[in-house]
C-alpha cells in the first residue's frame, strides 16, 4: 500500500496564542487513536515554532545557516502525518478530517504527497 505524507502548514502570525487548547488536543488524540486502530497512521508529530528552528541553504558551494523565525515565510510547517492508505482518496479523507477538528481560530493547510518508493 502506498504511503502518504501530509505536511501541516500553519500561519504562525494568526495561530492562537499558547497553541492548541485542551479541547483540540482531546479531539486530536481521538483522531490519532482512530487512525491507529484503522492501521493507517505510521507517524505524526507537531513541530516547535519557527523561532526555534534553523534553516540551512546550499548554493552549490557552501552552506548558509539562518536562525528562525523566518520573516519571509508566512506559512511554516507546524507538523506532519505519515499514513499508509489504500489510495490517494483515502489519504485525502483522513487529511480533511484532521483539518475539520480544528476550530475557526486556526488557519492551516495540509500538503498531501505520496512518498516515492524505491
N, C-alpha and C. Protein backbone atom coordinates (compact mmCIF):
# COMPACT_ATOMS: atom_id res chain seq x y z
N UNK A 1 0.84 -1.19 0.00
CA UNK A 1 0.00 0.00 0.00
C UNK A 1 0.87 1.24 0.00
N UNK A 2 0.45 2.26 -0.70
CA UNK A 2 1.24 3.48 -0.75
C UNK A 2 1.24 4.23 0.58
N UNK A 3 2.33 4.96 0.78
CA UNK A 3 2.44 5.83 1.96
C UNK A 3 2.28 7.28 1.52
N UNK A 4 1.74 8.08 2.42
CA UNK A 4 1.50 9.49 2.13
C UNK A 4 2.03 10.35 3.28
N UNK A 5 2.53 11.51 2.91
CA UNK A 5 2.99 12.50 3.88
C UNK A 5 2.07 13.70 3.79
N UNK A 6 1.50 14.08 4.91
CA UNK A 6 0.69 15.29 4.98
C UNK A 6 1.48 16.31 5.80
N UNK A 7 1.93 17.37 5.13
CA UNK A 7 2.66 18.44 5.79
C UNK A 7 1.65 19.48 6.25
N UNK A 8 1.65 19.76 7.53
CA UNK A 8 0.69 20.71 8.10
C UNK A 8 1.33 22.10 8.08
N UNK A 9 0.74 22.99 7.31
CA UNK A 9 1.24 24.35 7.20
C UNK A 9 0.40 25.27 8.05
N UNK A 10 1.08 26.09 8.86
CA UNK A 10 0.42 26.97 9.81
C UNK A 10 0.86 28.41 9.57
N UNK A 11 -0.09 29.32 9.62
CA UNK A 11 0.24 30.75 9.61
C UNK A 11 0.49 31.12 11.07
N UNK A 12 1.76 31.15 11.48
CA UNK A 12 2.10 31.40 12.88
C UNK A 12 1.60 32.76 13.37
N UNK A 13 1.52 33.73 12.50
CA UNK A 13 1.07 35.06 12.93
C UNK A 13 -0.42 35.07 13.26
N UNK A 14 -1.17 34.09 12.76
CA UNK A 14 -2.61 34.03 13.02
C UNK A 14 -2.99 32.89 13.97
N UNK A 15 -2.02 32.12 14.42
CA UNK A 15 -2.30 30.98 15.31
C UNK A 15 -2.67 31.48 16.70
N UNK A 16 -3.56 30.75 17.39
CA UNK A 16 -3.93 31.16 18.75
C UNK A 16 -2.71 31.22 19.67
N UNK A 17 -2.64 32.25 20.48
CA UNK A 17 -1.55 32.38 21.45
C UNK A 17 -1.59 31.17 22.38
N UNK A 18 -0.45 30.59 22.64
CA UNK A 18 -0.39 29.43 23.52
C UNK A 18 -0.59 28.11 22.80
N UNK A 19 -0.86 28.16 21.50
CA UNK A 19 -1.00 26.94 20.72
C UNK A 19 -2.34 26.26 20.93
N UNK A 20 -2.42 24.96 20.64
CA UNK A 20 -3.67 24.22 20.75
C UNK A 20 -4.18 24.17 22.19
N UNK A 21 -5.50 24.30 22.34
CA UNK A 21 -6.07 24.21 23.68
C UNK A 21 -6.38 22.74 24.02
N UNK A 22 -6.81 22.50 25.25
CA UNK A 22 -7.06 21.13 25.72
C UNK A 22 -8.14 20.43 24.91
N UNK A 23 -9.16 21.17 24.48
CA UNK A 23 -10.24 20.59 23.69
C UNK A 23 -9.74 20.08 22.35
N UNK A 24 -8.92 20.88 21.67
CA UNK A 24 -8.35 20.45 20.40
C UNK A 24 -7.44 19.25 20.60
N UNK A 25 -6.63 19.27 21.65
CA UNK A 25 -5.73 18.14 21.90
C UNK A 25 -6.53 16.86 22.17
N UNK A 26 -7.68 16.96 22.80
CA UNK A 26 -8.52 15.78 23.03
C UNK A 26 -9.05 15.25 21.70
N UNK A 27 -9.58 16.15 20.85
CA UNK A 27 -10.08 15.73 19.54
C UNK A 27 -8.95 15.13 18.70
N UNK A 28 -7.76 15.73 18.80
CA UNK A 28 -6.60 15.22 18.07
C UNK A 28 -6.25 13.80 18.55
N UNK A 29 -6.26 13.61 19.87
CA UNK A 29 -5.97 12.29 20.43
C UNK A 29 -6.97 11.24 19.97
N UNK A 30 -8.24 11.62 19.89
CA UNK A 30 -9.28 10.68 19.43
C UNK A 30 -9.07 10.32 17.97
N UNK A 31 -8.73 11.30 17.14
CA UNK A 31 -8.48 11.02 15.72
C UNK A 31 -7.24 10.15 15.56
N UNK A 32 -6.19 10.44 16.30
CA UNK A 32 -4.96 9.63 16.23
C UNK A 32 -5.26 8.19 16.64
N UNK A 33 -6.06 8.01 17.68
CA UNK A 33 -6.43 6.66 18.11
C UNK A 33 -7.22 5.94 17.01
N UNK A 34 -8.16 6.64 16.39
CA UNK A 34 -8.95 6.04 15.31
C UNK A 34 -8.07 5.65 14.13
N UNK A 35 -7.14 6.54 13.75
CA UNK A 35 -6.24 6.25 12.64
C UNK A 35 -5.32 5.08 12.96
N UNK A 36 -4.88 4.99 14.21
CA UNK A 36 -4.03 3.87 14.64
C UNK A 36 -4.80 2.56 14.55
N UNK A 37 -6.02 2.55 15.07
CA UNK A 37 -6.85 1.33 15.02
C UNK A 37 -7.17 0.93 13.58
N UNK A 38 -7.32 1.91 12.69
CA UNK A 38 -7.59 1.63 11.29
C UNK A 38 -6.35 1.13 10.55
N UNK A 39 -5.18 1.25 11.19
CA UNK A 39 -3.94 0.77 10.59
C UNK A 39 -3.34 1.70 9.56
N UNK A 40 -3.76 2.97 9.53
CA UNK A 40 -3.21 3.89 8.54
C UNK A 40 -2.13 4.81 9.09
N UNK A 41 -2.13 5.07 10.38
CA UNK A 41 -1.17 6.02 10.96
C UNK A 41 0.18 5.35 11.20
N UNK A 42 1.22 5.89 10.56
CA UNK A 42 2.58 5.39 10.76
C UNK A 42 3.36 6.28 11.71
N UNK A 43 3.15 7.61 11.61
CA UNK A 43 3.86 8.55 12.48
C UNK A 43 3.18 9.91 12.37
N UNK A 44 3.23 10.67 13.45
CA UNK A 44 2.72 12.03 13.45
C UNK A 44 3.37 12.81 14.58
N UNK A 45 3.51 14.11 14.38
CA UNK A 45 4.04 14.97 15.44
C UNK A 45 3.83 16.43 15.06
N UNK A 46 3.72 17.25 16.07
CA UNK A 46 3.75 18.70 15.88
C UNK A 46 5.20 19.14 15.99
N UNK A 47 5.49 20.30 15.45
CA UNK A 47 6.86 20.82 15.48
C UNK A 47 6.91 22.08 16.32
N UNK A 48 8.09 22.37 16.86
CA UNK A 48 8.27 23.59 17.64
C UNK A 48 8.13 24.81 16.72
N UNK A 49 7.88 25.98 17.28
CA UNK A 49 7.73 27.19 16.46
C UNK A 49 8.98 27.50 15.64
N UNK A 50 8.77 28.22 14.54
CA UNK A 50 9.90 28.55 13.66
C UNK A 50 10.95 29.41 14.36
N UNK A 51 10.57 30.08 15.45
CA UNK A 51 11.55 30.87 16.21
C UNK A 51 12.64 29.98 16.79
N UNK A 52 12.35 28.70 16.94
CA UNK A 52 13.32 27.76 17.49
C UNK A 52 14.01 26.94 16.41
N UNK A 53 13.72 27.26 15.14
CA UNK A 53 14.25 26.48 14.02
C UNK A 53 15.54 27.09 13.48
N UNK A 54 16.18 26.34 12.63
CA UNK A 54 17.34 26.81 11.88
C UNK A 54 17.17 26.32 10.44
N UNK A 55 17.52 27.16 9.49
CA UNK A 55 17.42 26.80 8.09
C UNK A 55 18.84 26.74 7.52
N UNK A 56 19.10 25.70 6.75
CA UNK A 56 20.40 25.54 6.10
C UNK A 56 20.18 25.54 4.60
N UNK A 57 20.76 26.52 3.90
CA UNK A 57 20.65 26.64 2.45
C UNK A 57 21.98 26.28 1.81
N UNK A 58 21.92 25.57 0.70
CA UNK A 58 23.10 25.17 -0.05
C UNK A 58 23.06 25.86 -1.41
N UNK A 59 24.10 26.60 -1.75
CA UNK A 59 24.13 27.33 -3.03
C UNK A 59 24.98 26.62 -4.08
N UNK A 60 25.36 25.39 -3.82
CA UNK A 60 26.19 24.64 -4.75
C UNK A 60 27.64 24.62 -4.34
N UNK A 61 28.03 25.54 -3.44
CA UNK A 61 29.42 25.62 -2.99
C UNK A 61 29.55 25.65 -1.48
N UNK A 62 28.60 26.33 -0.82
CA UNK A 62 28.71 26.43 0.63
C UNK A 62 27.32 26.44 1.26
N UNK A 63 27.30 26.12 2.54
CA UNK A 63 26.06 26.13 3.29
C UNK A 63 25.94 27.44 4.06
N UNK A 64 24.73 28.01 4.06
CA UNK A 64 24.44 29.21 4.84
C UNK A 64 23.39 28.84 5.87
N UNK A 65 23.64 29.20 7.12
CA UNK A 65 22.75 28.86 8.22
C UNK A 65 22.03 30.12 8.69
N UNK A 66 20.68 30.03 8.80
CA UNK A 66 19.87 31.15 9.25
C UNK A 66 19.02 30.68 10.43
N UNK A 67 19.09 31.41 11.53
CA UNK A 67 18.26 31.11 12.69
C UNK A 67 16.85 31.65 12.46
N UNK A 68 15.84 30.92 12.98
CA UNK A 68 14.46 31.37 12.92
C UNK A 68 14.22 32.48 13.92
N UNK A 69 13.10 33.15 13.86
CA UNK A 69 12.00 32.88 12.92
C UNK A 69 12.32 33.41 11.53
N UNK A 70 11.60 32.91 10.56
CA UNK A 70 11.86 33.26 9.17
C UNK A 70 10.78 34.24 8.72
N UNK A 71 11.11 35.52 8.75
CA UNK A 71 10.13 36.56 8.48
C UNK A 71 9.60 36.53 7.05
N UNK A 72 10.35 35.95 6.13
CA UNK A 72 9.89 35.90 4.74
C UNK A 72 8.86 34.81 4.52
N UNK A 73 8.64 33.97 5.52
CA UNK A 73 7.69 32.87 5.40
C UNK A 73 6.40 33.20 6.14
N UNK A 74 5.30 33.25 5.40
CA UNK A 74 4.01 33.47 6.06
C UNK A 74 3.55 32.15 6.68
N UNK A 75 3.67 31.06 5.94
CA UNK A 75 3.28 29.76 6.44
C UNK A 75 4.53 28.93 6.72
N UNK A 76 4.50 28.20 7.83
CA UNK A 76 5.60 27.31 8.17
C UNK A 76 5.04 25.92 8.40
N UNK A 77 5.88 24.92 8.33
CA UNK A 77 5.45 23.56 8.61
C UNK A 77 5.32 23.42 10.12
N UNK A 78 4.12 23.15 10.57
CA UNK A 78 3.84 23.04 12.00
C UNK A 78 3.75 21.62 12.49
N UNK A 79 3.72 20.66 11.57
CA UNK A 79 3.63 19.26 11.94
C UNK A 79 3.54 18.40 10.70
N UNK A 80 3.39 17.10 10.93
CA UNK A 80 3.32 16.17 9.81
C UNK A 80 2.56 14.92 10.23
N UNK A 81 2.07 14.19 9.23
CA UNK A 81 1.44 12.89 9.43
C UNK A 81 1.95 11.99 8.32
N UNK A 82 2.38 10.79 8.67
CA UNK A 82 2.74 9.77 7.68
C UNK A 82 1.69 8.68 7.78
N UNK A 83 1.02 8.41 6.66
CA UNK A 83 -0.06 7.42 6.62
C UNK A 83 0.23 6.37 5.55
N UNK A 84 -0.33 5.20 5.76
CA UNK A 84 -0.31 4.15 4.75
C UNK A 84 -1.77 3.86 4.43
N UNK A 85 -2.17 4.22 3.23
CA UNK A 85 -3.58 4.12 2.83
C UNK A 85 -3.69 3.32 1.55
N UNK A 86 -4.92 2.84 1.30
CA UNK A 86 -5.11 2.04 0.08
C UNK A 86 -4.93 2.88 -1.18
N UNK A 87 -5.25 4.19 -1.09
CA UNK A 87 -5.09 5.07 -2.25
C UNK A 87 -5.12 6.53 -1.81
N UNK A 88 -4.96 7.42 -2.78
CA UNK A 88 -4.93 8.86 -2.52
C UNK A 88 -6.25 9.34 -1.95
N UNK A 89 -7.36 8.78 -2.40
CA UNK A 89 -8.68 9.18 -1.91
C UNK A 89 -8.80 8.95 -0.41
N UNK A 90 -8.35 7.80 0.06
CA UNK A 90 -8.41 7.52 1.50
C UNK A 90 -7.50 8.47 2.28
N UNK A 91 -6.30 8.73 1.76
CA UNK A 91 -5.37 9.65 2.43
C UNK A 91 -5.98 11.06 2.49
N UNK A 92 -6.65 11.46 1.44
CA UNK A 92 -7.29 12.77 1.40
C UNK A 92 -8.44 12.85 2.42
N UNK A 93 -9.19 11.77 2.57
CA UNK A 93 -10.28 11.75 3.55
C UNK A 93 -9.75 11.95 4.97
N UNK A 94 -8.68 11.24 5.33
CA UNK A 94 -8.09 11.39 6.66
C UNK A 94 -7.55 12.81 6.85
N UNK A 95 -6.93 13.35 5.82
CA UNK A 95 -6.37 14.70 5.91
C UNK A 95 -7.48 15.73 6.13
N UNK A 96 -8.58 15.59 5.43
CA UNK A 96 -9.70 16.51 5.60
C UNK A 96 -10.30 16.38 7.00
N UNK A 97 -10.37 15.19 7.54
CA UNK A 97 -10.87 15.01 8.91
C UNK A 97 -9.95 15.72 9.90
N UNK A 98 -8.64 15.63 9.68
CA UNK A 98 -7.68 16.32 10.54
C UNK A 98 -7.95 17.82 10.53
N UNK A 99 -8.14 18.39 9.35
CA UNK A 99 -8.38 19.83 9.24
C UNK A 99 -9.68 20.23 9.94
N UNK A 100 -10.72 19.40 9.80
CA UNK A 100 -12.03 19.75 10.36
C UNK A 100 -12.06 19.77 11.88
N UNK A 101 -11.16 19.06 12.57
CA UNK A 101 -11.22 19.06 14.03
C UNK A 101 -10.68 20.36 14.63
N UNK A 102 -10.06 21.19 13.82
CA UNK A 102 -9.55 22.48 14.29
C UNK A 102 -10.69 23.49 14.34
N UNK A 103 -10.63 24.37 15.30
CA UNK A 103 -11.64 25.40 15.43
C UNK A 103 -11.49 26.49 14.39
N UNK A 104 -12.43 27.42 14.42
CA UNK A 104 -12.44 28.51 13.45
C UNK A 104 -11.26 29.47 13.63
N UNK A 105 -10.61 29.41 14.79
CA UNK A 105 -9.48 30.32 15.03
C UNK A 105 -8.20 29.89 14.32
N UNK A 106 -8.17 28.68 13.77
CA UNK A 106 -6.97 28.17 13.11
C UNK A 106 -7.01 28.43 11.62
N UNK A 107 -5.88 28.83 11.06
CA UNK A 107 -5.68 28.96 9.62
C UNK A 107 -4.55 28.00 9.26
N UNK A 108 -4.93 26.82 8.80
CA UNK A 108 -3.94 25.79 8.47
C UNK A 108 -4.27 25.19 7.11
N UNK A 109 -3.28 24.58 6.53
CA UNK A 109 -3.44 23.85 5.26
C UNK A 109 -2.55 22.62 5.33
N UNK A 110 -2.94 21.59 4.65
CA UNK A 110 -2.12 20.38 4.56
C UNK A 110 -1.73 20.15 3.12
N UNK A 111 -0.47 19.88 2.92
CA UNK A 111 0.02 19.48 1.59
C UNK A 111 0.17 17.97 1.63
N UNK A 112 -0.61 17.27 0.85
CA UNK A 112 -0.62 15.80 0.84
C UNK A 112 0.16 15.30 -0.35
N UNK A 113 1.18 14.47 -0.06
CA UNK A 113 2.02 13.93 -1.14
C UNK A 113 2.30 12.47 -0.92
N UNK A 114 2.29 11.71 -2.00
CA UNK A 114 2.63 10.30 -1.91
C UNK A 114 4.15 10.19 -1.77
N UNK A 115 4.59 9.29 -0.93
CA UNK A 115 6.02 9.06 -0.73
C UNK A 115 6.52 8.16 -1.85
N UNK A 116 7.53 8.62 -2.56
CA UNK A 116 8.09 7.84 -3.67
C UNK A 116 8.81 6.63 -3.12
N UNK A 117 8.46 5.48 -3.61
CA UNK A 117 9.08 4.23 -3.15
C UNK A 117 10.21 3.84 -4.10
N UNK A 118 11.26 3.27 -3.52
CA UNK A 118 12.34 2.76 -4.34
C UNK A 118 13.33 3.77 -4.61
